[in-house]
Amino acid sequence: MVFEFYATGADDQWTLQENQNAFSRILFRPRVLIDVSKIDLTTTVLGFKISMPVMIAPASMQKMAHPDGENATARAASAAGTIMGLSSWSTASLDEVASTGPGIRFFQLYMYKDGLDRNAITQLMGRVERAGFKAIAVTVDRPRRGHKESDIKNRFKLPPHLSLKIFEGLDLAKTDEGNNIASLTWKDVKWLQTITKLPVLLKGVLTAEDTRLAVQAGVAGVIVSNHGARQLDYVPATINALEEVVKAAQGRIPVFLDGGIRRGTDVFKALALGASGIFIGRPVLFSLAAEGEAGVKKVLQMLRDELELAMALNGCTSLKEITRDHVMTEWDAPRARLAPRL
């Protein structure tokens, strides 16, 4: 039940497979005879310097994977010098995660339609700020719960020894997972910005149209995401939607990506297509299940090492040197791209 909750996607799971398969259709155009003896992977996200452009996506109910759950993930992210996203459906509380030590952490927010009014959301934002979180990532692609046949077959529910900790004391701790989410509008996004001093990101943007509206709404950035292919099947792989979003953003806000990242070469491809950084979800959950905190540290190190090697072999010594010319997608005309530019 727990494995399939983490591993599976919506309906036919076409998008679940495509999230990974689409990366394999992007090819490199490496440059040679460049001194790559020193490689710099550091970057800045919303003003925070991190060791690499690989961050941890918010993923729910991590104590189903390992008893230390979100606390282990927080410690691993801090040790790696990168950002952790904490889910609204965390099985560790805000204070528990904060007590693991220093670190840069974003909070992923679901807003509910019943039992949690705007006053309670305001209280929650106060808790998030006091716990030292640095940004809010609002999930915008889940007005209803997606159709996952494995969860129906397994009659999925949170194991009785665990609980959702974030909303305790706000009359929502016993809410059934995901069945009470509000259908948000742009007005809700604007309202949220008035009750928190933290930057607000929108998680779940896939189109140029919504990107332009996000810019108009004054958000701090967008995350190109299809919810790990757990919501609407037959939407594009996020890597295929990325360039459209980046072009629409026109550099006015950063664009991040999650979904399908399994290799450092995948990270390089996302950066080449304009992402300011990427978030990983399932690799963290499976590593957490296998080896706890040590497993999460290991997967972050693996991706770091693979990205560094990909940069060296493509002739890039820093992230800013990774450009669109380093990759060829299935939509490019190869002969035209390889022709000399006048």
Protein backbone atom coordinates (compact mmCIF):
# COMPACT_ATOMS: atom_id res chain seq x y z
CA MET A 1 0.00 0.00 0.00
CA VAL A 2 2.71 2.49 1.01
CA PHE A 3 5.02 1.65 -1.89
CA GLU A 4 2.25 2.07 -4.44
CA PHE A 5 1.11 5.31 -2.83
CA TYR A 6 4.59 6.71 -3.43
CA ALA A 7 5.39 5.02 -6.73
CA THR A 8 2.28 5.12 -8.88
CA GLY A 9 0.52 7.78 -10.92
CA ALA A 10 -2.93 8.63 -12.19
CA ASP A 11 -5.06 6.47 -14.51
CA ASP A 12 -2.95 4.76 -17.22
CA GLN A 13 0.27 6.24 -15.76
CA TRP A 14 1.35 7.45 -19.19
CA THR A 15 2.59 10.76 -17.82
CA LEU A 16 4.37 8.94 -14.99
CA GLN A 17 6.53 7.12 -17.54
CA GLU A 18 6.80 10.11 -19.85
CA ASN A 19 8.22 12.27 -17.06
CA GLN A 20 11.34 10.09 -17.22
CA ASN A 21 11.26 8.99 -20.86
CA ALA A 22 11.18 12.56 -22.19
CA PHE A 23 14.64 13.21 -20.76
CA SER A 24 16.05 10.37 -22.85
CA ARG A 25 15.01 12.16 -26.05
CA ILE A 26 17.11 15.23 -25.23
CA LEU A 27 20.67 14.96 -26.51
CA PHE A 28 23.82 16.85 -25.60
CA ARG A 29 25.93 19.10 -27.82
CA PRO A 30 29.16 19.11 -25.79
CA ARG A 31 31.93 21.65 -26.23
CA VAL A 32 35.55 20.52 -26.00
CA LEU A 33 39.02 21.90 -25.27
CA ILE A 34 37.79 23.86 -22.27
CA ASP A 35 39.60 23.82 -18.92
CA VAL A 36 37.13 22.07 -16.61
CA SER A 37 39.56 21.29 -13.80
CA LYS A 38 37.43 23.42 -11.46
CA ILE A 39 33.62 23.24 -11.47
CA ASP A 40 31.30 25.51 -9.46
CA LEU A 41 27.84 24.11 -8.76
CA THR A 42 26.68 26.81 -6.36
CA THR A 43 23.62 28.90 -7.13
CA THR A 44 21.15 31.28 -5.50
CA VAL A 45 17.43 30.60 -5.06
CA LEU A 46 15.24 33.50 -3.90
CA GLY A 47 18.37 35.10 -2.48
CA PHE A 48 19.57 32.00 -0.61
CA LYS A 49 22.89 30.51 -1.65
CA ILE A 50 22.85 26.72 -1.98
CA SER A 51 25.51 24.20 -2.90
CA MET A 52 23.85 22.94 -6.07
CA PRO A 53 20.65 23.44 -8.11
CA VAL A 54 19.17 20.18 -6.75
CA MET A 55 16.54 20.63 -4.02
CA ILE A 56 14.10 18.35 -2.24
CA ALA A 57 10.45 18.54 -3.28
CA PRO A 58 7.69 18.43 -0.67
CA ALA A 59 6.49 14.84 -0.36
CA SER A 60 3.77 13.72 2.01
CA MET A 61 3.74 11.29 4.93
CA GLN A 62 7.43 10.45 5.01
CA LYS A 63 7.24 8.48 8.25
CA MET A 64 5.53 5.78 6.21
CA ALA A 65 8.92 5.35 4.51
CA HIS A 66 11.10 5.57 7.63
CA PRO A 67 10.45 6.27 11.34
CA ASP A 68 12.51 9.47 11.19
CA GLY A 69 10.54 10.69 8.17
CA GLU A 70 10.71 14.39 7.39
CA ASN A 71 13.22 14.98 10.21
CA ALA A 72 15.77 12.73 8.50
CA THR A 73 15.14 14.44 5.17
CA ALA A 74 15.62 17.87 6.76
CA ARG A 75 18.95 16.87 8.28
CA ALA A 76 20.15 15.39 4.98
CA ALA A 77 19.19 18.52 3.04
CA SER A 78 20.98 20.72 5.53
CA ALA A 79 24.11 18.56 5.39
CA ALA A 80 24.08 18.83 1.59
CA GLY A 81 23.66 22.60 1.72
CA THR A 82 20.41 22.63 -0.21
CA ILE A 83 16.72 23.42 0.22
CA MET A 84 14.05 21.09 1.59
CA GLY A 85 10.36 21.46 0.80
CA LEU A 86 8.02 20.34 3.60
CA SER A 87 4.58 19.03 2.68
CA SER A 88 1.32 20.18 4.24
CA TRP A 89 0.76 16.46 4.83
CA SER A 90 3.92 16.03 6.83
CA THR A 91 4.00 13.40 9.56
CA ALA A 92 6.42 15.64 11.47
CA SER A 93 5.42 19.03 12.84
CA LEU A 94 6.88 22.37 11.84
CA ASP A 95 8.65 22.62 15.19
CA GLU A 96 10.05 19.10 14.92
CA VAL A 97 11.55 19.83 11.54
CA ALA A 98 12.90 23.18 12.75
CA SER A 99 14.49 21.47 15.77
CA THR A 100 16.64 19.27 13.52
CA GLY A 101 19.00 22.21 13.13
CA PRO A 102 19.71 25.02 10.69
CA GLY A 103 18.65 24.75 7.09
CA ILE A 104 16.81 26.50 4.27
CA ARG A 105 13.26 25.15 4.11
CA PHE A 106 10.20 25.98 2.01
CA PHE A 107 6.67 25.09 3.06
CA GLN A 108 4.21 23.58 0.58
CA LEU A 109 0.66 24.79 1.22
CA TYR A 110 -2.69 23.21 0.54
CA MET A 111 -5.70 25.38 1.26
CA TYR A 112 -8.87 23.66 2.43
CA LYS A 113 -12.50 24.45 1.70
CA ASP A 114 -14.08 23.16 4.91
CA GLY A 115 -12.96 23.30 8.51
CA LEU A 116 -10.08 25.69 7.87
CA ASP A 117 -11.07 29.30 7.28
CA ARG A 118 -8.87 32.19 6.30
CA ASN A 119 -8.19 33.00 9.93
CA ALA A 120 -6.74 29.53 10.41
CA ILE A 121 -4.60 29.88 7.28
CA THR A 122 -3.31 33.14 8.71
CA GLN A 123 -2.46 31.34 11.96
CA LEU A 124 -0.69 28.61 10.01
CA MET A 125 1.39 31.14 8.08
CA GLY A 126 2.45 32.61 11.42
CA ARG A 127 3.58 29.17 12.57
CA VAL A 128 5.51 28.65 9.33
CA GLU A 129 7.30 31.98 9.68
CA ARG A 130 8.13 31.42 13.36
CA ALA A 131 9.57 28.00 12.51
CA GLY A 132 12.05 29.72 10.20
CA PHE A 133 10.73 28.63 6.80
CA LYS A 134 11.84 30.87 3.96
CA ALA A 135 9.13 30.58 1.27
CA ILE A 136 5.65 29.24 0.57
CA ALA A 137 5.01 26.92 -2.39
CA VAL A 138 1.28 26.81 -3.08
CA THR A 139 0.12 23.70 -4.93
CA VAL A 140 -2.24 24.92 -7.67
CA ASP A 141 -2.85 21.78 -9.76
CA ARG A 142 -5.06 19.86 -7.33
CA PRO A 143 -8.59 21.35 -7.23
CA ARG A 144 -9.76 17.74 -6.90
CA ARG A 145 -8.03 14.55 -5.95
CA GLY A 146 -6.55 12.68 -8.92
CA HIS A 147 -7.65 9.15 -9.81
CA LYS A 148 -5.02 6.65 -8.69
CA GLU A 149 -6.28 3.12 -9.19
CA SER A 150 -3.64 1.60 -6.90
CA ASP A 151 -4.84 3.67 -3.94
CA ILE A 152 -8.41 2.59 -4.60
CA LYS A 153 -7.39 -1.07 -4.90
CA ASN A 154 -5.30 -0.87 -1.73
CA ARG A 155 -7.87 1.22 0.17
CA PHE A 156 -5.03 3.53 1.05
CA LYS A 157 -5.10 5.36 4.35
CA LEU A 158 -2.49 6.76 6.68
CA PRO A 159 -1.35 4.02 9.08
CA PRO A 160 -3.02 4.46 12.50
CA HIS A 161 0.23 5.09 14.38
CA LEU A 162 0.87 8.22 12.28
CA SER A 163 -0.94 11.53 11.93
CA LEU A 164 -0.74 14.70 9.86
CA LYS A 165 1.06 17.11 12.15
CA ILE A 166 0.93 20.43 10.33
CA PHE A 167 -2.73 21.22 10.93
CA GLU A 168 -2.99 19.99 14.51
CA GLY A 169 -4.82 22.57 16.58
CA LEU A 170 -6.47 24.03 13.49
CA ASP A 171 -9.44 21.63 13.38
CA LEU A 172 -8.04 19.77 10.42
CA ALA A 173 -5.74 17.12 11.82
CA LYS A 174 -8.27 14.37 11.08
CA THR A 175 -9.07 15.39 7.53
CA ASP A 176 -8.99 12.50 5.06
CA GLU A 177 -5.93 12.79 2.86
CA GLY A 178 -6.65 15.11 0.00
CA ASN A 179 -10.43 15.06 -0.18
CA ASN A 180 -10.98 18.52 1.22
CA ILE A 181 -8.77 20.73 -0.96
CA ALA A 182 -10.13 24.07 -2.10
CA SER A 183 -10.47 24.98 -5.76
CA LEU A 184 -8.19 28.00 -5.69
CA THR A 185 -8.36 31.07 -7.89
CA TRP A 186 -5.95 33.91 -8.59
CA LYS A 187 -7.81 35.94 -5.95
CA ASP A 188 -6.72 33.40 -3.32
CA VAL A 189 -3.11 33.77 -4.43
CA LYS A 190 -3.31 37.53 -4.10
CA TRP A 191 -4.89 37.18 -0.65
CA LEU A 192 -2.20 34.79 0.53
CA GLN A 193 0.46 37.33 -0.39
CA THR A 194 -1.18 39.83 1.96
CA ILE A 195 -0.94 37.59 5.05
CA THR A 196 2.68 36.47 4.83
CA LYS A 197 5.96 38.24 4.40
CA LEU A 198 7.43 35.13 2.79
CA PRO A 199 7.84 34.85 -1.00
CA VAL A 200 5.10 32.78 -2.66
CA LEU A 201 5.82 30.24 -5.39
CA LEU A 202 3.17 28.51 -7.49
CA LYS A 203 3.71 24.76 -7.83
CA GLY A 204 1.95 23.06 -10.72
CA VAL A 205 2.24 25.46 -13.66
CA LEU A 206 2.52 23.87 -17.13
CA THR A 207 1.50 26.55 -19.64
CA ALA A 208 2.62 29.92 -20.94
CA GLU A 209 -0.84 31.35 -20.24
CA ASP A 210 -0.69 30.57 -16.54
CA THR A 211 2.91 31.71 -16.35
CA ARG A 212 1.99 35.15 -17.63
CA LEU A 213 -0.83 35.34 -15.07
CA ALA A 214 1.61 34.29 -12.34
CA VAL A 215 3.92 37.13 -13.30
CA GLN A 216 0.99 39.55 -13.22
CA ALA A 217 0.03 38.23 -9.77
CA GLY A 218 3.46 39.16 -8.47
CA VAL A 219 4.53 35.72 -7.28
CA ALA A 220 8.19 35.03 -6.57
CA GLY A 221 8.47 32.13 -9.00
CA VAL A 222 6.80 29.08 -10.49
CA ILE A 223 7.51 25.37 -10.32
CA VAL A 224 6.80 23.46 -13.52
CA SER A 225 5.16 20.35 -12.09
CA ASN A 226 2.48 17.81 -12.93
CA HIS A 227 2.30 16.61 -9.33
CA GLY A 228 4.55 13.67 -10.02
CA ALA A 229 1.98 12.49 -12.60
CA ARG A 230 -0.42 11.78 -9.74
CA GLN A 231 -3.20 14.11 -10.86
CA LEU A 232 -4.13 14.43 -14.55
CA ASP A 233 -2.77 11.74 -16.85
CA TYR A 234 -1.72 12.67 -20.41
CA VAL A 235 -0.34 16.07 -19.53
CA PRO A 236 3.14 16.68 -20.90
CA ALA A 237 6.26 15.59 -19.12
CA THR A 238 7.47 18.55 -17.13
CA ILE A 239 10.74 18.75 -19.06
CA ASN A 240 8.67 19.11 -22.26
CA ALA A 241 6.59 21.92 -20.73
CA LEU A 242 9.59 23.73 -19.25
CA GLU A 243 10.74 25.77 -22.23
CA GLU A 244 7.26 27.16 -22.92
CA VAL A 245 7.04 28.38 -19.33
CA VAL A 246 10.56 29.82 -19.34
CA LYS A 247 9.86 31.80 -22.52
CA ALA A 248 6.62 33.16 -21.08
CA ALA A 249 8.34 34.19 -17.84
CA GLN A 250 10.81 36.30 -19.88
CA GLY A 251 13.29 36.31 -17.01
CA ARG A 252 10.93 38.23 -14.72
CA ILE A 253 10.59 35.34 -12.25
CA PRO A 254 12.63 32.17 -11.76
CA VAL A 255 11.26 28.91 -13.12
CA PHE A 256 11.92 25.63 -11.32
CA LEU A 257 11.04 22.06 -12.28
CA ASP A 258 10.14 18.78 -10.64
CA GLY A 259 9.17 15.41 -12.12
CA GLY A 260 11.23 12.62 -13.65
CA ILE A 261 14.70 13.69 -12.49
CA ARG A 262 16.74 10.53 -11.96
CA ARG A 263 20.25 11.48 -13.09
CA GLY A 264 22.62 14.40 -12.92
CA THR A 265 22.38 14.51 -16.71
CA ASP A 266 18.64 15.17 -16.28
CA VAL A 267 19.47 18.13 -14.05
CA PHE A 268 21.85 19.50 -16.70
CA LYS A 269 19.16 19.18 -19.38
CA ALA A 270 16.64 21.06 -17.24
CA LEU A 271 19.12 23.85 -16.58
CA ALA A 272 19.96 24.06 -20.29
CA LEU A 273 16.26 24.53 -21.08
CA GLY A 274 16.01 27.42 -18.64
CA ALA A 275 15.25 26.02 -15.20
CA SER A 276 16.79 27.90 -12.27
CA GLY A 277 16.88 24.66 -10.29
CA ILE A 278 15.10 21.35 -9.86
CA PHE A 279 13.29 19.49 -7.09
CA ILE A 280 13.38 15.72 -6.54
CA GLY A 281 10.64 13.71 -4.83
CA ARG A 282 10.52 9.96 -5.35
CA PRO A 283 14.33 9.49 -5.31
CA VAL A 284 14.29 10.97 -1.80
CA LEU A 285 11.39 8.81 -0.62
CA PHE A 286 12.93 5.57 -1.85
CA SER A 287 16.36 6.49 -0.46
CA LEU A 288 14.74 7.39 2.84
CA ALA A 289 12.99 4.03 2.94
CA ALA A 290 16.22 2.20 2.16
CA GLU A 291 18.69 3.90 4.49
CA GLY A 292 17.00 6.76 6.33
CA GLU A 293 18.98 9.98 6.60
CA ALA A 294 22.09 8.31 5.17
CA GLY A 295 20.09 7.26 2.11
CA VAL A 296 18.88 10.79 1.42
CA LYS A 297 22.41 12.12 1.82
CA LYS A 298 23.61 9.47 -0.61
CA VAL A 299 21.09 10.27 -3.34
CA LEU A 300 21.88 13.99 -3.09
CA GLN A 301 25.59 13.25 -3.37
CA MET A 302 25.02 10.95 -6.34
CA LEU A 303 23.09 13.62 -8.22
CA ARG A 304 25.69 16.23 -7.34
CA ASP A 305 28.54 14.04 -8.62
CA GLU A 306 26.67 13.18 -11.81
CA LEU A 307 25.82 16.82 -12.50
CA GLU A 308 29.43 17.87 -11.96
CA LEU A 309 30.62 15.20 -14.40
CA ALA A 310 27.98 16.18 -16.97
CA MET A 311 29.12 19.79 -16.72
CA ALA A 312 32.75 18.84 -17.20
CA LEU A 313 32.04 16.63 -20.22
CA ASN A 314 29.88 19.35 -21.79
CA GLY A 315 32.56 21.99 -21.24
CA CYS A 316 30.86 24.01 -18.51
CA THR A 317 32.69 25.25 -15.40
CA SER A 318 29.70 26.98 -13.76
CA LEU A 319 25.93 26.86 -13.97
CA LYS A 320 25.75 30.13 -15.88
CA GLU A 321 27.76 28.53 -18.69
CA ILE A 322 25.04 25.91 -19.28
CA THR A 323 23.05 27.21 -22.25
CA ARG A 324 20.33 26.14 -24.66
CA ASP A 325 23.06 25.39 -27.21
CA HIS A 326 24.25 22.49 -25.07
CA VAL A 327 21.15 20.40 -25.80
CA MET A 328 19.09 19.27 -28.76
CA THR A 329 15.42 18.39 -28.25
CA GLU A 330 13.08 16.37 -30.46
CA TRP A 331 11.50 19.65 -31.63
CA ASP A 332 14.73 21.17 -32.84
CA ALA A 333 15.75 20.98 -36.49
CA PRO A 334 19.21 19.42 -36.10
CA ARG A 335 20.66 20.70 -39.38
CA ALA A 336 19.44 24.22 -38.73
CA ARG A 337 20.83 24.23 -35.22
CA LEU A 338 24.21 22.97 -36.34
CA ALA A 339 24.50 25.48 -39.20
CA PRO A 340 26.84 28.44 -38.70
CA ARG A 341 25.18 31.55 -37.35
CA LEU A 342 25.62 34.71 -39.42
